[in-house]
């Protein structure tokens, strides 16, 4: 190996485990899934126990007829 190749390999070895700017700043890295700590919190709605609470109206939210289906309306489930 020549000197240039050796220097390049050492640079790659030293930079490979680079933790990122968040770790250098002392912050936790953003999660792979979920909400980042930097995301601003909602001001009007909060979660209290198992309910979503409306802070402005001072009462829990009520969802009428809310549902979810992972299938399109013309596709029957397998």
N, C-alpha and C. Protein backbone atom coordinates (compact mmCIF):
# COMPACT_ATOMS: atom_id res chain seq x y z
N UNK A 1 0.84 -1.18 0.00
CA UNK A 1 0.00 0.00 0.00
C UNK A 1 0.88 1.24 0.00
N UNK A 2 0.46 2.21 -0.76
CA UNK A 2 1.23 3.44 -0.75
C UNK A 2 0.77 4.35 0.40
N UNK A 3 1.47 5.46 0.61
CA UNK A 3 1.20 6.35 1.74
C UNK A 3 -0.18 7.01 1.61
N UNK A 4 -0.58 7.36 0.39
CA UNK A 4 -1.88 8.01 0.18
C UNK A 4 -3.03 7.09 0.59
N UNK A 5 -2.96 5.83 0.21
CA UNK A 5 -3.98 4.85 0.56
C UNK A 5 -4.04 4.65 2.07
N UNK A 6 -2.89 4.59 2.69
CA UNK A 6 -2.83 4.41 4.14
C UNK A 6 -3.48 5.58 4.86
N UNK A 7 -3.18 6.78 4.43
CA UNK A 7 -3.76 7.98 5.05
C UNK A 7 -5.27 8.00 4.85
N UNK A 8 -5.73 7.67 3.66
CA UNK A 8 -7.17 7.64 3.39
C UNK A 8 -7.88 6.60 4.27
N UNK A 9 -7.28 5.44 4.44
CA UNK A 9 -7.88 4.42 5.30
C UNK A 9 -7.95 4.87 6.75
N UNK A 10 -6.91 5.53 7.24
CA UNK A 10 -6.94 6.04 8.61
C UNK A 10 -8.00 7.11 8.79
N UNK A 11 -8.16 7.95 7.80
CA UNK A 11 -9.21 8.98 7.88
C UNK A 11 -10.58 8.33 7.94
N UNK A 12 -10.82 7.31 7.11
CA UNK A 12 -12.10 6.61 7.13
C UNK A 12 -12.34 5.91 8.46
N UNK A 13 -11.30 5.32 9.02
CA UNK A 13 -11.42 4.63 10.30
C UNK A 13 -11.76 5.62 11.41
N UNK A 14 -11.15 6.78 11.38
CA UNK A 14 -11.39 7.78 12.43
C UNK A 14 -12.76 8.43 12.29
N UNK A 15 -13.26 8.60 11.07
CA UNK A 15 -14.54 9.27 10.87
C UNK A 15 -15.73 8.32 10.84
N UNK A 16 -15.50 7.04 10.70
CA UNK A 16 -16.60 6.08 10.56
C UNK A 16 -17.55 6.08 11.75
N UNK A 17 -17.08 6.06 12.99
CA UNK A 17 -18.03 6.02 14.09
C UNK A 17 -18.51 7.40 14.52
N UNK A 18 -18.53 8.36 13.61
CA UNK A 18 -18.94 9.73 13.94
C UNK A 18 -20.38 9.72 14.46
N UNK A 19 -20.62 10.18 15.69
CA UNK A 19 -21.94 10.05 16.29
C UNK A 19 -22.98 11.05 15.79
N UNK A 20 -22.57 12.10 15.11
CA UNK A 20 -23.52 13.08 14.62
C UNK A 20 -23.47 14.36 15.44
N UNK A 21 -24.05 15.40 14.90
CA UNK A 21 -24.00 16.70 15.55
C UNK A 21 -24.81 16.74 16.84
N UNK A 22 -25.90 15.97 16.92
CA UNK A 22 -26.72 15.96 18.13
C UNK A 22 -25.91 15.45 19.32
N UNK A 23 -25.14 14.39 19.10
CA UNK A 23 -24.35 13.82 20.18
C UNK A 23 -23.22 14.77 20.59
N UNK A 24 -22.65 15.47 19.63
CA UNK A 24 -21.60 16.42 19.96
C UNK A 24 -22.14 17.59 20.76
N UNK A 25 -23.40 17.96 20.51
CA UNK A 25 -24.02 19.07 21.24
C UNK A 25 -24.58 18.62 22.59
N UNK A 26 -24.47 17.33 22.90
CA UNK A 26 -24.96 16.83 24.17
C UNK A 26 -26.44 16.47 24.15
N UNK A 27 -27.06 16.42 22.99
CA UNK A 27 -28.48 16.10 22.87
C UNK A 27 -28.63 14.63 22.49
N UNK A 28 -29.79 14.08 22.82
CA UNK A 28 -30.09 12.72 22.41
C UNK A 28 -30.40 12.72 20.92
N UNK A 29 -30.00 11.69 20.20
CA UNK A 29 -30.35 11.63 18.78
C UNK A 29 -31.86 11.45 18.61
N UNK A 30 -32.41 11.93 17.50
CA UNK A 30 -33.86 11.77 17.31
C UNK A 30 -34.22 10.29 17.25
N UNK A 31 -35.40 9.94 17.78
CA UNK A 31 -35.79 8.54 17.77
C UNK A 31 -36.05 8.04 16.35
N UNK A 32 -35.87 6.74 16.17
CA UNK A 32 -36.11 6.16 14.85
C UNK A 32 -37.59 6.23 14.50
N UNK A 33 -38.44 6.10 15.50
CA UNK A 33 -39.88 6.21 15.31
C UNK A 33 -40.44 6.99 16.48
N UNK A 34 -41.43 7.79 16.23
CA UNK A 34 -42.04 8.56 17.30
C UNK A 34 -41.82 10.05 17.11
N UNK A 35 -42.08 10.81 18.15
CA UNK A 35 -42.00 12.26 18.10
C UNK A 35 -40.67 12.71 18.67
N UNK A 36 -40.02 13.61 17.97
CA UNK A 36 -38.75 14.16 18.43
C UNK A 36 -39.00 15.08 19.62
N UNK A 37 -38.00 15.22 20.49
CA UNK A 37 -38.10 16.14 21.62
C UNK A 37 -38.18 17.59 21.16
N UNK A 38 -37.72 17.86 19.94
CA UNK A 38 -37.74 19.22 19.41
C UNK A 38 -39.10 19.62 18.86
N UNK A 39 -40.01 18.66 18.69
CA UNK A 39 -41.35 18.96 18.19
C UNK A 39 -42.12 19.71 19.26
N UNK A 40 -42.68 20.90 18.92
CA UNK A 40 -43.41 21.64 19.95
C UNK A 40 -44.66 20.90 20.41
N UNK A 41 -44.97 20.99 21.69
CA UNK A 41 -46.15 20.33 22.25
C UNK A 41 -47.40 21.10 21.86
N UNK A 42 -48.51 20.38 21.73
CA UNK A 42 -49.78 21.02 21.45
C UNK A 42 -50.21 21.85 22.64
N UNK A 43 -50.82 23.00 22.38
CA UNK A 43 -51.25 23.88 23.46
C UNK A 43 -52.71 23.63 23.85
N UNK A 44 -53.54 23.23 22.89
CA UNK A 44 -54.97 23.10 23.17
C UNK A 44 -55.36 21.71 23.66
N UNK A 45 -54.75 20.67 23.11
CA UNK A 45 -55.14 19.30 23.43
C UNK A 45 -54.02 18.58 24.16
N UNK A 46 -54.37 17.89 25.23
CA UNK A 46 -53.41 17.10 25.99
C UNK A 46 -54.01 15.72 26.25
N UNK A 47 -53.16 14.76 26.55
CA UNK A 47 -53.62 13.42 26.88
C UNK A 47 -53.60 13.29 28.40
N UNK A 48 -54.75 12.91 28.95
CA UNK A 48 -54.87 12.68 30.39
C UNK A 48 -55.44 11.28 30.58
N UNK A 49 -54.57 10.39 31.00
CA UNK A 49 -55.01 8.99 31.13
C UNK A 49 -55.31 8.43 29.76
N UNK A 50 -56.55 7.98 29.56
CA UNK A 50 -56.96 7.39 28.29
C UNK A 50 -57.75 8.37 27.45
N UNK A 51 -57.90 9.63 27.90
CA UNK A 51 -58.70 10.62 27.18
C UNK A 51 -57.83 11.70 26.54
N UNK A 52 -58.35 12.26 25.45
CA UNK A 52 -57.76 13.47 24.85
C UNK A 52 -58.58 14.63 25.39
N UNK A 53 -57.93 15.54 26.06
CA UNK A 53 -58.61 16.61 26.79
C UNK A 53 -58.42 17.94 26.08
N UNK A 54 -59.53 18.68 25.90
CA UNK A 54 -59.51 20.02 25.31
C UNK A 54 -59.28 21.03 26.42
N UNK A 55 -58.11 21.65 26.45
CA UNK A 55 -57.75 22.57 27.51
C UNK A 55 -58.60 23.84 27.43
N UNK A 56 -58.92 24.30 26.23
CA UNK A 56 -59.68 25.54 26.06
C UNK A 56 -61.11 25.40 26.59
N UNK A 57 -61.77 24.28 26.26
CA UNK A 57 -63.15 24.06 26.70
C UNK A 57 -63.24 23.37 28.06
N UNK A 58 -62.11 22.91 28.58
CA UNK A 58 -62.03 22.22 29.87
C UNK A 58 -62.90 20.97 29.93
N UNK A 59 -62.90 20.18 28.85
CA UNK A 59 -63.61 18.90 28.86
C UNK A 59 -62.97 17.95 27.86
N UNK A 60 -63.19 16.63 28.04
CA UNK A 60 -62.59 15.67 27.12
C UNK A 60 -63.24 15.71 25.74
N UNK A 61 -62.46 15.34 24.72
CA UNK A 61 -62.99 15.27 23.37
C UNK A 61 -63.83 14.02 23.19
N UNK A 62 -64.82 14.11 22.33
CA UNK A 62 -65.66 12.97 22.01
C UNK A 62 -65.65 12.81 20.51
N UNK A 63 -65.23 11.64 20.02
CA UNK A 63 -65.21 11.36 18.60
C UNK A 63 -66.43 10.52 18.26
N UNK A 64 -67.27 11.03 17.39
CA UNK A 64 -68.48 10.32 17.00
C UNK A 64 -68.24 9.62 15.67
N UNK A 65 -68.38 8.30 15.66
CA UNK A 65 -68.29 7.55 14.42
C UNK A 65 -66.90 7.47 13.82
N UNK A 66 -65.87 7.54 14.63
CA UNK A 66 -64.51 7.45 14.12
C UNK A 66 -64.15 5.99 13.93
N UNK A 67 -63.56 5.67 12.79
CA UNK A 67 -63.16 4.29 12.53
C UNK A 67 -61.99 4.24 11.57
N UNK A 68 -61.40 3.07 11.45
CA UNK A 68 -60.26 2.89 10.58
C UNK A 68 -60.34 1.52 9.93
N UNK A 69 -60.07 1.48 8.64
CA UNK A 69 -59.97 0.22 7.93
C UNK A 69 -58.75 0.30 7.01
N UNK A 70 -57.88 -0.68 7.08
CA UNK A 70 -56.68 -0.64 6.24
C UNK A 70 -56.97 -1.01 4.78
N UNK A 71 -58.22 -1.32 4.45
CA UNK A 71 -58.57 -1.74 3.10
C UNK A 71 -59.34 -0.63 2.38
N UNK A 72 -59.20 -0.58 1.07
CA UNK A 72 -60.00 0.33 0.28
C UNK A 72 -61.43 -0.17 0.23
N UNK A 73 -62.36 0.73 -0.08
CA UNK A 73 -63.77 0.35 -0.04
C UNK A 73 -64.11 -0.75 -1.05
N UNK A 74 -63.41 -0.83 -2.16
CA UNK A 74 -63.70 -1.85 -3.17
C UNK A 74 -62.86 -3.12 -3.01
N UNK A 75 -61.96 -3.15 -2.03
CA UNK A 75 -61.11 -4.32 -1.81
C UNK A 75 -61.59 -5.10 -0.58
N UNK A 76 -62.01 -6.34 -0.75
CA UNK A 76 -62.40 -7.14 0.42
C UNK A 76 -61.16 -7.60 1.17
N UNK A 77 -61.26 -7.78 2.48
CA UNK A 77 -60.12 -8.30 3.24
C UNK A 77 -59.76 -9.71 2.77
N UNK A 78 -58.50 -10.10 2.91
CA UNK A 78 -58.09 -11.45 2.47
C UNK A 78 -58.70 -12.53 3.32
